Protein backbone atom coordinates (compact mmCIF):
# COMPACT_ATOMS: atom_id res chain seq x y z
CA MET A 1 73.60 132.49 87.08
CA GLY A 2 77.23 133.42 87.38
CA ASN A 3 79.97 133.93 84.85
CA TYR A 4 80.51 130.22 84.22
CA VAL A 5 83.18 128.74 81.99
CA LEU A 6 84.61 125.26 81.43
CA SER A 7 88.40 125.19 81.54
CA LYS A 8 91.20 122.69 81.45
CA VAL A 9 93.28 122.64 84.63
CA LYS A 10 95.93 125.37 84.84
CA PRO A 11 98.44 126.12 87.62
CA GLU A 12 96.61 129.34 88.47
CA HIS A 13 93.65 127.18 89.53
CA TYR A 14 95.58 125.03 92.03
CA ASN A 15 94.58 127.01 95.14
CA SER A 16 90.93 127.01 94.14
CA ILE A 17 91.10 123.27 93.39
CA ALA A 18 92.57 122.70 96.87
CA ALA A 19 89.69 124.68 98.41
CA TYR A 20 87.19 122.67 96.31
CA ARG A 21 88.77 119.42 97.51
CA GLN A 22 88.68 120.52 101.14
CA GLU A 23 85.04 121.59 100.98
CA ILE A 24 84.01 118.20 99.61
CA MET A 25 86.12 116.39 102.21
CA ASP A 26 84.63 118.46 105.03
CA SER A 27 81.12 117.56 103.86
CA ASP A 28 81.92 113.84 103.39
CA GLY A 29 80.84 114.33 99.79
CA GLU A 30 81.58 112.35 96.67
CA PHE A 31 84.38 113.17 94.24
CA ASP A 32 82.58 112.14 91.04
CA GLY A 33 84.22 113.54 87.93
CA CYS A 34 87.34 114.61 89.85
CA GLN A 35 89.88 112.01 88.63
CA GLN A 36 90.63 110.77 92.16
CA LEU A 37 91.24 114.26 93.58
CA GLU A 38 90.52 112.91 97.06
CA LEU A 39 93.81 110.97 96.93
CA TYR A 40 96.00 114.02 96.34
CA ASP A 41 97.07 116.60 98.91
CA ASP A 42 99.42 118.00 96.26
CA ILE A 43 97.29 119.52 93.49
CA GLU A 44 100.22 119.75 91.07
CA LYS A 45 100.71 115.97 91.36
CA TRP A 46 96.98 115.47 90.80
CA ASP A 47 97.18 117.63 87.67
CA LEU A 48 100.14 115.61 86.38
CA ASN A 49 98.15 112.43 87.01
CA CYS A 50 95.17 113.84 85.09
CA LYS A 51 97.42 114.58 82.12
CA LEU A 52 98.46 110.90 81.93
CA PHE A 53 94.90 110.09 80.87
CA GLU A 54 94.94 112.56 77.96
CA ASP A 55 97.43 110.62 75.84
CA PRO A 56 96.92 107.03 74.63
CA ALA A 57 100.65 106.41 75.20
CA THR A 58 100.44 107.25 78.92
CA VAL A 59 96.96 106.07 79.96
CA PRO A 60 97.49 103.57 82.78
CA PRO A 61 96.70 99.95 81.84
CA GLY A 62 93.03 99.10 82.19
CA TYR A 63 91.93 102.74 82.03
CA SER A 64 90.52 104.86 79.22
CA LEU A 65 91.34 108.26 77.78
CA GLY A 66 89.92 110.99 80.00
CA TYR A 67 89.90 114.76 80.04
CA GLN A 68 89.52 116.73 83.25
CA TYR A 69 87.68 120.04 83.18
CA LEU A 70 86.98 122.62 85.84
CA TYR A 71 83.80 124.65 86.00
CA LEU A 72 84.70 128.16 87.01
CA ASP A 73 82.72 131.13 88.25
CA ASP A 74 85.03 134.15 87.98
CA ASP A 75 88.08 131.86 88.40
CA GLU A 76 86.63 130.04 91.43
CA VAL A 77 86.33 126.27 90.93
CA ILE A 78 82.69 125.43 91.61
CA GLY A 79 82.47 122.14 89.76
CA MET A 80 84.47 119.44 88.07
CA ILE A 81 83.59 117.29 85.11
CA ASN A 82 85.50 114.45 83.52
CA LEU A 83 84.97 113.33 79.93
CA ARG A 84 85.83 109.80 78.77
CA PRO A 85 85.21 109.97 75.00
CA LEU A 86 85.93 106.26 74.39
CA ALA A 87 83.60 105.01 77.14
CA GLU A 88 81.57 102.83 74.79
CA THR A 89 84.61 100.64 74.09
CA HIS A 90 85.77 100.29 77.70
CA PRO A 91 84.45 97.30 79.70
CA TYR A 92 83.82 99.23 82.94
CA LEU A 93 82.80 102.63 81.54
CA SER A 94 80.44 101.16 78.94
CA ARG A 95 78.49 99.49 81.74
CA TYR A 96 78.93 101.57 84.89
CA GLY A 97 80.84 104.84 84.47
CA GLY A 98 79.67 106.31 81.19
CA HIS A 99 81.20 109.16 79.21
CA ILE A 100 80.85 111.89 81.81
CA GLY A 101 81.21 112.20 85.57
CA TYR A 102 80.67 115.44 87.47
CA SER A 103 80.37 117.07 90.85
CA VAL A 104 79.64 120.50 92.28
CA LYS A 105 81.10 121.88 95.50
CA PRO A 106 78.60 121.63 98.35
CA SER A 107 78.16 125.40 98.82
CA ARG A 108 77.10 125.78 95.17
CA ARG A 109 74.61 122.93 94.94
CA LYS A 110 70.90 123.45 94.24
CA GLN A 111 71.69 126.54 92.14
CA GLY A 112 71.53 124.99 88.66
CA VAL A 113 75.32 124.76 88.38
CA ALA A 114 75.45 121.04 87.54
CA SER A 115 72.77 121.34 84.85
CA GLN A 116 74.56 124.24 83.19
CA MET A 117 77.96 122.53 83.52
CA LEU A 118 76.65 119.39 81.82
CA LYS A 119 75.00 121.47 79.09
CA ASP A 120 78.30 123.24 78.42
CA MET A 121 80.18 119.91 78.38
CA LEU A 122 77.73 118.41 75.91
CA LYS A 123 78.60 121.20 73.48
CA ILE A 124 82.30 120.34 73.87
CA CYS A 125 81.50 116.64 73.39
CA LYS A 126 79.89 117.43 70.06
CA ASP A 127 82.18 120.19 68.80
CA GLU A 128 85.60 118.99 69.97
CA TYR A 129 85.22 115.22 70.35
CA GLN A 130 82.61 114.57 67.62
CA LEU A 131 80.37 112.54 69.92
CA ASN A 132 76.71 112.31 68.96
CA LYS A 133 75.51 110.64 72.13
CA VAL A 134 76.83 110.07 75.63
CA LEU A 135 76.08 107.61 78.40
CA ILE A 136 75.71 109.10 81.87
CA THR A 137 74.97 107.06 84.97
CA CYS A 138 73.85 107.87 88.49
CA MET A 139 72.89 105.93 91.56
CA LYS A 140 69.16 105.35 91.81
CA ASP A 141 69.05 107.23 95.13
CA ASN A 142 70.76 110.33 93.65
CA GLU A 143 67.73 112.42 92.75
CA ALA A 144 69.79 115.57 92.10
CA SER A 145 72.00 113.89 89.51
CA ARG A 146 68.99 112.25 87.86
CA ARG A 147 67.37 115.68 87.45
CA VAL A 148 70.58 117.11 85.96
CA ILE A 149 70.72 114.30 83.41
CA ILE A 150 67.03 114.54 82.51
CA ASN A 151 67.21 118.36 82.30
CA ASN A 152 69.85 117.86 79.62
CA GLY A 153 67.80 115.43 77.54
CA GLY A 154 68.77 112.18 79.24
CA VAL A 155 66.69 109.20 78.17
CA TYR A 156 66.46 106.36 80.67
CA GLU A 157 67.83 103.08 79.33
CA ASN A 158 67.83 100.73 82.30
CA GLU A 159 69.08 100.10 85.79
CA ILE A 160 71.71 97.63 86.86
CA MET A 161 73.35 96.50 90.07
CA TYR A 162 76.62 98.31 90.80
CA PRO A 163 78.58 95.54 92.59
CA PRO A 164 81.16 97.63 94.50
CA GLU A 165 78.44 99.41 96.46
CA GLU A 166 75.59 96.91 96.08
CA LYS A 167 73.39 99.76 94.86
CA ILE A 168 71.20 100.23 91.82
CA LEU A 169 72.72 102.34 89.06
CA GLU A 170 70.57 104.10 86.45
CA ARG A 171 71.83 104.48 82.88
CA TYR A 172 70.82 107.39 80.64
CA TRP A 173 71.70 108.36 77.08
CA ILE A 174 71.82 111.93 75.84
CA SER A 175 71.78 112.58 72.10
CA ILE A 176 73.76 115.66 71.08
């Protein structure tokens, strides 16, 4: 295991975020938990967009409060995780998206990074956001994400159809 730490986005991370983005794009990977990073060539603009979601007065209509975190290993961005503390009251998140979304850069997968990142985020959920349980979802065919959720105490609730992709989505609850 490395020297992992969860951090809010800071300007000194912009170059590493850009490298993270490029690595995922080069691998045709998913940007789960990245607050639409794939849409931004300009990392500073992406950061400003992320900050809109942190204040009820600036959250775009139809969206929910959200907090973007980076997972760092000696200041290198190796993962991203997004927390939506009000997910249970949001029509989309309460059904499909859940409280937490996350991803790990392709070169750091299968090393336990996602499991540790989620574990660290669960502590923040409890200590800073006073959550006692979180909903996390994953596609039925995403075995890696399922293992991460279960490794962190995820209890299977059910599966539902995710209409945009016509795939089965699994729903898990983690008590913290």
